[in-house]
Amino acid sequence: MEGKLVIFSAPSGSGKTTIVRYLLNKGLKLEFSISACNRPPRGNEEHGKDYYFLSTEEFQKRIANNEFVEWEEVYEGRYYGTLKSEMQRIWEKGNHVLFDVDVKGGISLKKIFGKQALSIFVMPPSVEALSQRLNKRGTDSADEIARRLAKAKHEITFAPQFDHVVVNDELFQAKNEAEKLLINFLNKN
C-alpha cells in the first residue's frame, strides 16, 4: 500500500522543523520520515527517533545495496538520505510520509513521486533574519554559520521548483498556511 508524501525543505534555520512538528500533532495521519545520516548526534538527538545515525562505511554500503529512495552528500563527507524501508514502514500503517529534508533531497523526491507528493519550501523572510536565527540557536561555530548562510543563498534559488513557498516571517501564519496546503493535498484523490 502506498500513501502520499509531503515534502518540506528549507535552508537551515528557516523554521522548517518547527512547522513540521506542529503539523505532526494535527491528527492528519502523517508520520515523520526519519532520515539516515552519517553525522554524530547533536544534543539529545536519538538514533531511530531524530535520525538513523550510520557510520560512513554503513551509509556507503547501503548506497551500494540500493537501499535509499534518495541520498545526497549535503556537505563534503556528510551524507543524508531516505531509506526505502522507512517509507514502507509508514505506508504499512496507513499513514502518509512527511519529509523534512534538504533542498536537493526535496527536489529529488518530488521528481521521483510526482503528483503523489506535495513539496513545500519554507523561506526565511531574509538572509539577515536567517543569520540572526542561526546565531541565536547557538549550536554552530561562526565558520559553520557562514557556510550555512552561503548554502542558504544558493538553496533559495531553488524555491520555484517546489509546489508552494511558505515565507516564515510570522511563525503562527506560516504554520496555518502550511496546514491549509496539507489538508487540501491530502483530501484530493
Protein backbone atom coordinates (compact mmCIF):
# COMPACT_ATOMS: atom_id res chain seq x y z
CA MET A 1 0.00 0.00 0.00
CA GLU A 2 1.31 3.42 -0.88
CA GLY A 3 0.09 6.69 0.55
CA LYS A 4 1.06 10.25 -0.22
CA LEU A 5 4.21 12.18 0.57
CA VAL A 6 4.56 15.69 1.93
CA ILE A 7 8.00 17.23 1.49
CA PHE A 8 9.30 20.19 3.47
CA SER A 9 12.63 21.73 2.51
CA ALA A 10 14.33 24.93 3.58
CA PRO A 11 17.66 26.48 4.35
CA SER A 12 18.98 25.61 7.81
CA GLY A 13 17.35 27.86 10.44
CA SER A 14 14.22 28.73 8.42
CA GLY A 15 11.83 27.17 10.94
CA LYS A 16 11.01 24.13 8.82
CA THR A 17 11.40 21.64 11.66
CA THR A 18 9.16 23.71 13.97
CA ILE A 19 6.43 23.77 11.30
CA VAL A 20 6.81 20.03 10.65
CA ARG A 21 6.48 19.22 14.38
CA TYR A 22 3.33 21.36 14.56
CA LEU A 23 1.76 19.51 11.61
CA LEU A 24 2.59 16.09 13.05
CA ASN A 25 0.41 16.94 16.07
CA LYS A 26 -2.67 17.86 13.98
CA GLY A 27 -4.11 14.33 13.56
CA LEU A 28 -3.64 14.23 9.77
CA LYS A 29 -2.36 10.61 9.51
CA LEU A 30 1.12 11.93 8.86
CA GLU A 31 4.26 10.25 10.06
CA PHE A 32 7.72 11.75 10.02
CA SER A 33 10.18 10.06 7.73
CA ILE A 34 13.33 9.61 9.73
CA SER A 35 16.35 10.36 7.55
CA ALA A 36 19.61 8.49 7.72
CA CYS A 37 22.85 10.44 8.10
CA ASN A 38 26.50 9.88 8.91
CA ARG A 39 26.99 12.80 11.31
CA PRO A 40 27.19 12.40 15.09
CA PRO A 41 24.05 13.14 17.16
CA ARG A 42 23.62 16.71 18.44
CA GLY A 43 22.38 17.39 21.97
CA ASN A 44 19.57 15.00 22.90
CA GLU A 45 19.10 13.52 19.42
CA GLU A 46 18.34 9.79 19.43
CA HIS A 47 19.02 7.06 16.87
CA GLY A 48 15.75 5.89 15.30
CA LYS A 49 13.85 8.93 16.56
CA ASP A 50 15.59 12.01 15.13
CA TYR A 51 17.81 10.28 12.57
CA TYR A 52 19.24 6.89 11.79
CA PHE A 53 22.86 7.64 12.68
CA LEU A 54 25.05 5.45 10.47
CA SER A 55 28.81 5.26 10.12
CA THR A 56 30.18 6.50 6.80
CA GLU A 57 31.00 2.88 5.89
CA GLU A 58 27.45 1.69 6.71
CA PHE A 59 25.92 4.59 4.74
CA GLN A 60 28.06 3.82 1.68
CA LYS A 61 27.25 0.10 1.96
CA ARG A 62 23.51 0.92 1.91
CA ILE A 63 24.03 3.16 -1.14
CA ALA A 64 25.76 0.26 -2.91
CA ASN A 65 22.87 -2.06 -1.95
CA ASN A 66 20.30 0.40 -3.42
CA GLU A 67 18.54 0.78 -0.05
CA PHE A 68 17.87 4.53 -0.45
CA VAL A 69 14.98 6.25 -2.26
CA GLU A 70 17.30 9.27 -2.44
CA TRP A 71 20.54 10.32 -0.81
CA GLU A 72 22.83 13.30 -1.04
CA GLU A 73 26.28 14.37 0.06
CA VAL A 74 24.96 17.59 1.60
CA TYR A 75 28.33 18.89 2.76
CA GLU A 76 31.68 17.32 1.93
CA GLY A 77 31.75 13.96 3.70
CA ARG A 78 28.23 14.47 5.19
CA TYR A 79 25.58 12.14 3.82
CA TYR A 80 21.81 12.30 4.30
CA GLY A 81 19.18 10.08 2.71
CA THR A 82 15.81 8.36 2.85
CA LEU A 83 15.73 4.61 3.30
CA LYS A 84 13.13 2.68 1.26
CA SER A 85 12.37 0.62 4.37
CA GLU A 86 11.39 3.79 6.26
CA MET A 87 8.73 4.77 3.71
CA GLN A 88 7.36 1.22 3.60
CA ARG A 89 7.13 1.15 7.41
CA ILE A 90 4.95 4.29 7.39
CA TRP A 91 2.71 3.27 4.47
CA GLU A 92 2.08 -0.15 6.02
CA LYS A 93 0.47 1.68 8.97
CA GLY A 94 -1.86 3.54 6.57
CA ASN A 95 -0.13 6.87 7.12
CA HIS A 96 1.30 9.47 4.74
CA VAL A 97 5.04 10.16 4.78
CA LEU A 98 6.18 13.59 5.95
CA PHE A 99 9.69 14.63 4.91
CA ASP A 100 11.90 17.28 6.46
CA VAL A 101 14.81 17.20 4.01
CA ASP A 102 17.43 19.42 2.43
CA VAL A 103 16.58 21.23 -0.80
CA LYS A 104 18.30 18.74 -3.13
CA GLY A 105 16.53 15.85 -1.38
CA GLY A 106 13.19 17.64 -1.68
CA ILE A 107 13.62 18.21 -5.41
CA SER A 108 14.73 14.58 -5.92
CA LEU A 109 11.73 13.19 -4.02
CA LYS A 110 9.29 15.39 -5.97
CA LYS A 111 10.81 14.19 -9.27
CA ILE A 112 10.56 10.55 -8.17
CA PHE A 113 6.99 10.69 -6.81
CA GLY A 114 5.38 13.45 -8.93
CA LYS A 115 1.70 14.07 -8.13
CA GLN A 116 1.87 11.58 -5.24
CA ALA A 117 3.96 14.23 -3.43
CA LEU A 118 3.38 17.80 -2.25
CA SER A 119 6.58 19.85 -1.97
CA ILE A 120 6.76 22.95 0.22
CA PHE A 121 9.76 25.27 0.50
CA VAL A 122 9.95 27.20 3.79
CA MET A 123 11.53 30.56 3.00
CA PRO A 124 13.17 32.78 5.62
CA PRO A 125 11.96 36.41 5.48
CA SER A 126 15.54 37.46 4.61
CA VAL A 127 19.13 36.21 4.76
CA GLU A 128 19.71 38.70 7.62
CA ALA A 129 16.85 37.15 9.64
CA LEU A 130 18.27 33.71 8.93
CA SER A 131 21.69 34.81 10.21
CA GLN A 132 20.09 36.05 13.44
CA ARG A 133 18.21 32.75 13.90
CA LEU A 134 21.32 30.65 13.37
CA ASN A 135 23.35 32.76 15.81
CA LYS A 136 20.54 32.64 18.38
CA ARG A 137 20.35 28.85 18.09
CA GLY A 138 23.88 28.65 19.47
CA THR A 139 24.65 25.18 18.10
CA ASP A 140 27.15 26.10 15.38
CA SER A 141 30.53 27.84 15.17
CA ALA A 142 30.93 31.14 13.30
CA ASP A 143 32.53 29.24 10.38
CA GLU A 144 29.63 26.77 10.29
CA ILE A 145 27.09 29.63 10.32
CA ALA A 146 28.93 31.36 7.45
CA ARG A 147 28.88 28.09 5.50
CA ARG A 148 25.16 27.59 6.20
CA LEU A 149 24.35 31.16 5.10
CA ALA A 150 26.28 30.76 1.84
CA LYS A 151 24.43 27.50 1.24
CA ALA A 152 21.08 29.15 2.12
CA LYS A 153 21.59 31.86 -0.52
CA HIS A 154 22.14 29.12 -3.09
CA GLU A 155 19.20 26.98 -1.86
CA ILE A 156 16.75 29.89 -2.04
CA THR A 157 17.30 29.97 -5.82
CA PHE A 158 15.61 26.52 -5.99
CA ALA A 159 12.38 27.64 -4.27
CA PRO A 160 10.46 27.97 -7.59
CA GLN A 161 10.94 24.21 -8.19
CA PHE A 162 8.63 23.45 -5.23
CA ASP A 163 4.82 23.26 -5.43
CA HIS A 164 4.46 26.02 -2.81
CA VAL A 165 6.64 28.52 -0.96
CA VAL A 166 5.72 29.42 2.64
CA VAL A 167 7.53 32.51 3.95
CA ASN A 168 8.22 32.05 7.66
CA ASP A 169 8.22 35.65 8.83
CA GLU A 170 5.49 35.14 11.47
CA LEU A 171 5.53 31.52 12.72
CA PHE A 172 1.79 31.33 13.52
CA GLN A 173 0.87 32.39 9.97
CA ALA A 174 3.44 30.06 8.39
CA LYS A 175 2.08 27.09 10.39
CA ASN A 176 -1.51 27.86 9.34
CA GLU A 177 -0.58 28.32 5.69
CA ALA A 178 1.31 25.01 5.66
CA GLU A 179 -1.60 23.24 7.38
CA LYS A 180 -4.12 24.50 4.78
CA LEU A 181 -1.87 23.38 1.90
CA LEU A 182 -1.50 19.96 3.50
CA ILE A 183 -5.22 19.43 4.15
CA ASN A 184 -6.09 20.40 0.56
CA PHE A 185 -3.49 17.97 -0.79
CA LEU A 186 -4.40 15.05 1.47
CA ASN A 187 -8.12 15.42 0.67
CA LYS A 188 -7.51 15.26 -3.10
CA ASN A 189 -7.91 11.86 -4.76
